[in-house]
Amino acid sequence: MKYSPLLAPTTDECTQCLPGYFLTSESKCTKILNCKISDGSSSEKCTSCEDTYYLNTTTGICAIPIPYVFFCKRFEDDTGNCIQCEDSYFLSVKECKSRTNANANCEMYTLDADTCKVC
C-alpha cells in the first residue's frame, strides 16, 4: 500500500494499492479476484490476470474460459484461447498435449510442438 505523503504518518488512509488490488471508498485495498495487475486506483478493473484466467478487456474481469483447456498456462485476452501451455505440455490445435519427447538436456521447448528449441 502507498500512503499520502501529506497525511503520513498521522493517518493510515491509503491513496494507492499494490497491483491486483483496488482502492475502496473507505481507503482500504481489496484484492481483485484472479487479478495479477491493476492500476491500484479505485477502479475494480484488472489489466492482467493470474495464470489460467483470461481478461475481458471490456469489463476488466478475469474469468475462466469456456471451453476450458486443461494444462493451459496463459489465455489470450477477450477470446479465452490458450496461447501457452504449462511447461511439460505443448499447444496443438487449441489443446495442451503432454510432451513425449522429454529430454533432460533440453533448456527450452517450442511452444507448439514436441521438440527441443535450445539444448
N, C-alpha and C. Protein backbone atom coordinates (compact mmCIF):
# COMPACT_ATOMS: atom_id res chain seq x y z
N MET A 1 0.83 -1.18 0.00
CA MET A 1 0.00 0.00 0.00
C MET A 1 0.88 1.25 0.00
N LYS A 2 0.40 2.28 -0.57
CA LYS A 2 1.09 3.56 -0.55
C LYS A 2 0.24 4.53 0.26
N TYR A 3 0.89 5.38 1.02
CA TYR A 3 0.18 6.34 1.86
C TYR A 3 0.47 7.75 1.36
N SER A 4 -0.46 8.63 1.57
CA SER A 4 -0.31 10.01 1.14
C SER A 4 0.82 10.68 1.91
N PRO A 5 1.81 11.25 1.20
CA PRO A 5 2.90 11.90 1.91
C PRO A 5 2.45 13.13 2.71
N LEU A 6 1.31 13.72 2.35
CA LEU A 6 0.81 14.88 3.09
C LEU A 6 0.20 14.47 4.42
N LEU A 7 -0.36 13.29 4.50
CA LEU A 7 -1.04 12.86 5.71
C LEU A 7 -0.19 11.92 6.58
N ALA A 8 0.72 11.20 5.98
CA ALA A 8 1.52 10.22 6.72
C ALA A 8 2.47 10.94 7.67
N PRO A 9 2.83 10.44 8.80
CA PRO A 9 2.40 9.15 9.35
C PRO A 9 1.22 9.25 10.31
N THR A 10 0.47 10.34 10.27
CA THR A 10 -0.61 10.53 11.23
C THR A 10 -1.90 9.83 10.85
N THR A 11 -1.98 9.25 9.67
CA THR A 11 -3.20 8.55 9.26
C THR A 11 -2.82 7.30 8.49
N ASP A 12 -3.72 6.35 8.45
CA ASP A 12 -3.47 5.13 7.68
C ASP A 12 -4.34 5.07 6.44
N GLU A 13 -4.76 6.23 5.94
CA GLU A 13 -5.56 6.28 4.72
C GLU A 13 -4.68 5.98 3.52
N CYS A 14 -5.06 5.00 2.79
CA CYS A 14 -4.30 4.59 1.61
C CYS A 14 -4.71 5.45 0.42
N THR A 15 -3.74 5.78 -0.44
CA THR A 15 -4.03 6.57 -1.63
C THR A 15 -3.86 5.76 -2.91
N GLN A 16 -3.11 4.66 -2.84
CA GLN A 16 -2.94 3.79 -4.00
C GLN A 16 -2.58 2.40 -3.51
N CYS A 17 -3.09 1.38 -4.20
CA CYS A 17 -2.87 -0.01 -3.79
C CYS A 17 -1.84 -0.69 -4.67
N LEU A 18 -1.41 -1.85 -4.21
CA LEU A 18 -0.49 -2.69 -4.97
C LEU A 18 -1.20 -3.27 -6.19
N PRO A 19 -0.44 -3.71 -7.21
CA PRO A 19 -1.06 -4.34 -8.38
C PRO A 19 -1.94 -5.53 -7.98
N GLY A 20 -3.10 -5.63 -8.61
CA GLY A 20 -4.04 -6.71 -8.31
C GLY A 20 -5.08 -6.33 -7.26
N TYR A 21 -4.98 -5.09 -6.72
CA TYR A 21 -5.91 -4.60 -5.71
C TYR A 21 -6.56 -3.31 -6.20
N PHE A 22 -7.69 -2.95 -5.60
CA PHE A 22 -8.31 -1.66 -5.89
C PHE A 22 -8.58 -0.94 -4.58
N LEU A 23 -8.69 0.37 -4.66
CA LEU A 23 -8.88 1.23 -3.50
C LEU A 23 -10.38 1.45 -3.26
N THR A 24 -10.86 1.05 -2.09
CA THR A 24 -12.27 1.21 -1.77
C THR A 24 -12.55 2.65 -1.32
N SER A 25 -13.82 2.99 -1.19
CA SER A 25 -14.21 4.33 -0.73
C SER A 25 -13.80 4.56 0.73
N GLU A 26 -13.49 3.47 1.46
CA GLU A 26 -13.03 3.58 2.85
C GLU A 26 -11.50 3.64 2.93
N SER A 27 -10.83 3.85 1.77
CA SER A 27 -9.36 3.93 1.69
C SER A 27 -8.68 2.63 2.10
N LYS A 28 -9.30 1.52 1.78
CA LYS A 28 -8.72 0.19 2.05
C LYS A 28 -8.44 -0.49 0.71
N CYS A 29 -7.42 -1.33 0.69
CA CYS A 29 -7.09 -2.08 -0.52
C CYS A 29 -7.75 -3.45 -0.48
N THR A 30 -8.45 -3.80 -1.55
CA THR A 30 -9.16 -5.06 -1.65
C THR A 30 -8.69 -5.79 -2.91
N LYS A 31 -8.44 -7.09 -2.77
CA LYS A 31 -7.96 -7.92 -3.88
C LYS A 31 -9.03 -8.01 -4.96
N ILE A 32 -8.61 -7.88 -6.22
CA ILE A 32 -9.50 -8.11 -7.36
C ILE A 32 -9.37 -9.58 -7.71
N LEU A 33 -10.45 -10.29 -7.74
CA LEU A 33 -10.47 -11.73 -7.93
C LEU A 33 -9.70 -12.16 -9.18
N ASN A 34 -8.72 -13.04 -9.02
CA ASN A 34 -7.91 -13.64 -10.09
C ASN A 34 -7.07 -12.63 -10.87
N CYS A 35 -6.86 -11.45 -10.32
CA CYS A 35 -6.13 -10.38 -11.00
C CYS A 35 -4.66 -10.36 -10.56
N LYS A 36 -3.77 -10.22 -11.55
CA LYS A 36 -2.35 -10.11 -11.27
C LYS A 36 -1.90 -8.65 -11.28
N ILE A 37 -2.41 -7.85 -12.24
CA ILE A 37 -2.01 -6.46 -12.36
C ILE A 37 -3.23 -5.56 -12.56
N SER A 38 -3.26 -4.49 -11.78
CA SER A 38 -4.26 -3.43 -11.94
C SER A 38 -3.53 -2.11 -11.70
N ASP A 39 -4.22 -1.00 -11.89
CA ASP A 39 -3.53 0.28 -11.68
C ASP A 39 -3.54 0.72 -10.22
N GLY A 40 -4.18 -0.04 -9.33
CA GLY A 40 -4.17 0.27 -7.91
C GLY A 40 -5.07 1.42 -7.52
N SER A 41 -5.89 1.89 -8.45
CA SER A 41 -6.79 3.03 -8.18
C SER A 41 -8.12 2.51 -7.63
N SER A 42 -9.14 3.36 -7.65
CA SER A 42 -10.46 2.97 -7.17
C SER A 42 -11.22 2.14 -8.20
N SER A 43 -10.64 1.94 -9.37
CA SER A 43 -11.27 1.12 -10.40
C SER A 43 -11.07 -0.36 -10.08
N GLU A 44 -12.14 -1.13 -10.20
CA GLU A 44 -12.05 -2.57 -9.95
C GLU A 44 -11.64 -3.32 -11.21
N LYS A 45 -11.16 -2.61 -12.22
CA LYS A 45 -10.76 -3.26 -13.47
C LYS A 45 -9.33 -3.79 -13.38
N CYS A 46 -9.17 -4.99 -13.88
CA CYS A 46 -7.88 -5.64 -13.93
C CYS A 46 -7.26 -5.38 -15.31
N THR A 47 -5.92 -5.37 -15.38
CA THR A 47 -5.26 -5.19 -16.67
C THR A 47 -4.48 -6.44 -17.09
N SER A 48 -4.23 -7.36 -16.15
CA SER A 48 -3.58 -8.63 -16.45
C SER A 48 -4.01 -9.65 -15.41
N CYS A 49 -4.38 -10.83 -15.87
CA CYS A 49 -4.91 -11.86 -14.98
C CYS A 49 -3.83 -12.84 -14.52
N GLU A 50 -4.14 -13.54 -13.43
CA GLU A 50 -3.29 -14.63 -12.97
C GLU A 50 -3.34 -15.75 -14.02
N ASP A 51 -2.32 -16.61 -14.00
CA ASP A 51 -2.28 -17.73 -14.92
C ASP A 51 -3.58 -18.53 -14.82
N THR A 52 -3.98 -19.12 -15.89
CA THR A 52 -5.18 -19.96 -16.09
C THR A 52 -6.49 -19.15 -16.18
N TYR A 53 -6.41 -17.82 -16.23
CA TYR A 53 -7.58 -16.97 -16.42
C TYR A 53 -7.35 -16.07 -17.63
N TYR A 54 -8.42 -15.60 -18.25
CA TYR A 54 -8.28 -14.65 -19.34
C TYR A 54 -8.96 -13.35 -18.96
N LEU A 55 -8.54 -12.26 -19.59
CA LEU A 55 -9.05 -10.94 -19.28
C LEU A 55 -10.10 -10.51 -20.30
N ASN A 56 -11.27 -10.15 -19.81
CA ASN A 56 -12.28 -9.50 -20.64
C ASN A 56 -11.93 -8.02 -20.57
N THR A 57 -11.35 -7.49 -21.63
CA THR A 57 -10.86 -6.11 -21.60
C THR A 57 -11.97 -5.07 -21.53
N THR A 58 -13.19 -5.43 -21.90
CA THR A 58 -14.31 -4.50 -21.80
C THR A 58 -14.71 -4.29 -20.34
N THR A 59 -14.80 -5.39 -19.59
CA THR A 59 -15.24 -5.31 -18.19
C THR A 59 -14.08 -5.23 -17.21
N GLY A 60 -12.89 -5.67 -17.62
CA GLY A 60 -11.74 -5.71 -16.71
C GLY A 60 -11.82 -6.86 -15.72
N ILE A 61 -12.63 -7.87 -16.04
CA ILE A 61 -12.82 -9.02 -15.16
C ILE A 61 -12.02 -10.21 -15.68
N CYS A 62 -11.38 -10.93 -14.75
CA CYS A 62 -10.65 -12.16 -15.08
C CYS A 62 -11.60 -13.34 -14.93
N ALA A 63 -11.69 -14.15 -15.97
CA ALA A 63 -12.65 -15.26 -15.97
C ALA A 63 -12.00 -16.55 -16.44
N ILE A 64 -12.66 -17.64 -16.15
CA ILE A 64 -12.23 -18.95 -16.64
C ILE A 64 -12.82 -19.12 -18.03
N PRO A 65 -11.98 -19.43 -19.03
CA PRO A 65 -12.50 -19.59 -20.39
C PRO A 65 -13.39 -20.82 -20.52
N ILE A 66 -14.38 -20.71 -21.39
CA ILE A 66 -15.25 -21.85 -21.70
C ILE A 66 -15.23 -22.03 -23.21
N PRO A 67 -14.85 -23.17 -23.74
CA PRO A 67 -14.43 -24.35 -23.01
C PRO A 67 -13.04 -24.16 -22.41
N TYR A 68 -12.83 -24.77 -21.25
CA TYR A 68 -11.56 -24.67 -20.55
C TYR A 68 -10.55 -25.63 -21.18
N VAL A 69 -9.31 -25.19 -21.34
CA VAL A 69 -8.25 -26.02 -21.89
C VAL A 69 -7.35 -26.45 -20.73
N PHE A 70 -7.39 -27.73 -20.40
CA PHE A 70 -6.59 -28.24 -19.29
C PHE A 70 -5.11 -28.09 -19.60
N PHE A 71 -4.32 -27.78 -18.59
CA PHE A 71 -2.87 -27.59 -18.64
C PHE A 71 -2.46 -26.33 -19.40
N CYS A 72 -3.41 -25.43 -19.64
CA CYS A 72 -3.08 -24.16 -20.27
C CYS A 72 -2.60 -23.20 -19.19
N LYS A 73 -1.49 -22.54 -19.47
CA LYS A 73 -0.91 -21.60 -18.51
C LYS A 73 -1.40 -20.18 -18.75
N ARG A 74 -1.50 -19.78 -20.03
CA ARG A 74 -1.93 -18.41 -20.36
C ARG A 74 -2.97 -18.43 -21.46
N PHE A 75 -4.00 -17.62 -21.25
CA PHE A 75 -5.07 -17.49 -22.23
C PHE A 75 -5.01 -16.10 -22.87
N GLU A 76 -5.46 -15.99 -24.10
CA GLU A 76 -5.49 -14.73 -24.82
C GLU A 76 -6.63 -13.86 -24.28
N ASP A 77 -6.36 -12.57 -24.11
CA ASP A 77 -7.39 -11.64 -23.66
C ASP A 77 -8.57 -11.66 -24.63
N ASP A 78 -9.75 -11.50 -24.10
CA ASP A 78 -11.03 -11.44 -24.82
C ASP A 78 -11.47 -12.76 -25.45
N THR A 79 -10.60 -13.49 -26.14
CA THR A 79 -11.04 -14.71 -26.80
C THR A 79 -11.05 -15.90 -25.85
N GLY A 80 -10.13 -15.93 -24.88
CA GLY A 80 -10.02 -17.07 -23.99
C GLY A 80 -9.30 -18.25 -24.62
N ASN A 81 -8.73 -18.06 -25.83
CA ASN A 81 -7.97 -19.14 -26.47
C ASN A 81 -6.66 -19.36 -25.74
N CYS A 82 -6.25 -20.60 -25.63
CA CYS A 82 -4.98 -20.92 -24.99
C CYS A 82 -3.84 -20.46 -25.89
N ILE A 83 -2.85 -19.75 -25.30
CA ILE A 83 -1.69 -19.30 -26.07
C ILE A 83 -0.38 -19.86 -25.53
N GLN A 84 -0.41 -20.46 -24.32
CA GLN A 84 0.79 -21.08 -23.77
C GLN A 84 0.39 -22.16 -22.78
N CYS A 85 0.97 -23.34 -22.96
CA CYS A 85 0.68 -24.45 -22.06
C CYS A 85 1.68 -24.49 -20.92
N GLU A 86 1.37 -25.27 -19.90
CA GLU A 86 2.31 -25.49 -18.80
C GLU A 86 3.57 -26.15 -19.37
N ASP A 87 4.67 -26.06 -18.64
CA ASP A 87 5.99 -26.45 -19.14
C ASP A 87 6.08 -27.85 -19.76
N SER A 88 5.45 -28.85 -19.19
CA SER A 88 5.58 -30.21 -19.72
C SER A 88 4.53 -30.54 -20.78
N TYR A 89 3.89 -29.49 -21.35
CA TYR A 89 2.88 -29.66 -22.38
C TYR A 89 3.17 -28.71 -23.54
N PHE A 90 2.62 -29.03 -24.71
CA PHE A 90 2.76 -28.15 -25.87
C PHE A 90 1.38 -27.91 -26.48
N LEU A 91 1.24 -26.79 -27.18
CA LEU A 91 -0.03 -26.38 -27.75
C LEU A 91 -0.21 -26.98 -29.13
N SER A 92 -1.32 -27.71 -29.31
CA SER A 92 -1.62 -28.34 -30.59
C SER A 92 -3.12 -28.24 -30.84
N VAL A 93 -3.50 -27.49 -31.86
CA VAL A 93 -4.90 -27.31 -32.25
C VAL A 93 -5.78 -27.00 -31.03
N LYS A 94 -5.43 -25.91 -30.33
CA LYS A 94 -6.18 -25.40 -29.19
C LYS A 94 -6.24 -26.35 -28.00
N GLU A 95 -5.32 -27.32 -27.93
CA GLU A 95 -5.25 -28.24 -26.80
C GLU A 95 -3.82 -28.27 -26.28
N CYS A 96 -3.68 -28.58 -25.00
CA CYS A 96 -2.35 -28.79 -24.43
C CYS A 96 -2.11 -30.29 -24.35
N LYS A 97 -1.10 -30.73 -25.08
CA LYS A 97 -0.79 -32.16 -25.12
C LYS A 97 0.52 -32.42 -24.38
N SER A 98 0.58 -33.58 -23.78
CA SER A 98 1.75 -33.97 -23.00
C SER A 98 2.96 -34.19 -23.90
N ARG A 99 4.13 -33.73 -23.45
CA ARG A 99 5.37 -33.94 -24.21
C ARG A 99 5.81 -35.40 -24.07
N THR A 100 6.05 -36.05 -25.18
CA THR A 100 6.55 -37.42 -25.16
C THR A 100 8.05 -37.44 -25.41
N ASN A 101 8.57 -36.30 -25.89
CA ASN A 101 9.98 -36.18 -26.25
C ASN A 101 10.75 -35.53 -25.11
N ALA A 102 10.51 -35.95 -23.88
CA ALA A 102 11.19 -35.35 -22.73
C ALA A 102 12.69 -35.59 -22.81
N ASN A 103 13.45 -34.52 -22.60
CA ASN A 103 14.90 -34.59 -22.71
C ASN A 103 15.50 -33.81 -21.55
N ALA A 104 16.27 -34.47 -20.71
CA ALA A 104 16.86 -33.83 -19.53
C ALA A 104 17.82 -32.72 -19.92
N ASN A 105 18.36 -32.74 -21.14
CA ASN A 105 19.33 -31.73 -21.57
C ASN A 105 18.69 -30.58 -22.34
N CYS A 106 17.38 -30.58 -22.45
CA CYS A 106 16.68 -29.52 -23.17
C CYS A 106 16.42 -28.34 -22.23
N GLU A 107 16.88 -27.16 -22.63
CA GLU A 107 16.68 -25.96 -21.83
C GLU A 107 15.33 -25.30 -22.13
N MET A 108 14.91 -25.35 -23.41
CA MET A 108 13.66 -24.71 -23.81
C MET A 108 13.01 -25.48 -24.95
N TYR A 109 11.72 -25.77 -24.79
CA TYR A 109 10.96 -26.45 -25.85
C TYR A 109 10.21 -25.42 -26.68
N THR A 110 9.83 -25.80 -27.89
CA THR A 110 8.95 -24.94 -28.69
C THR A 110 7.57 -24.96 -28.04
N LEU A 111 6.82 -23.89 -28.19
CA LEU A 111 5.51 -23.80 -27.55
C LEU A 111 4.45 -24.64 -28.24
N ASP A 112 4.62 -24.85 -29.57
CA ASP A 112 3.56 -25.51 -30.33
C ASP A 112 3.97 -26.82 -30.98
N ALA A 113 5.03 -27.44 -30.46
CA ALA A 113 5.44 -28.76 -30.96
C ALA A 113 6.21 -29.50 -29.88
N ASP A 114 6.35 -30.79 -30.05
CA ASP A 114 7.04 -31.63 -29.09
C ASP A 114 8.53 -31.74 -29.42
N THR A 115 9.18 -30.58 -29.62
CA THR A 115 10.59 -30.56 -30.00
C THR A 115 11.36 -29.60 -29.11
N CYS A 116 12.64 -29.92 -28.93
CA CYS A 116 13.52 -29.08 -28.14
C CYS A 116 13.97 -27.89 -28.99
N LYS A 117 13.97 -26.69 -28.42
CA LYS A 117 14.35 -25.48 -29.12
C LYS A 117 15.79 -25.09 -28.77
N VAL A 118 16.17 -25.24 -27.50
CA VAL A 118 17.51 -24.89 -27.04
C VAL A 118 18.01 -25.99 -26.11
N CYS A 119 19.20 -26.54 -26.45
CA CYS A 119 19.81 -27.58 -25.60
C CYS A 119 20.75 -26.96 -24.59
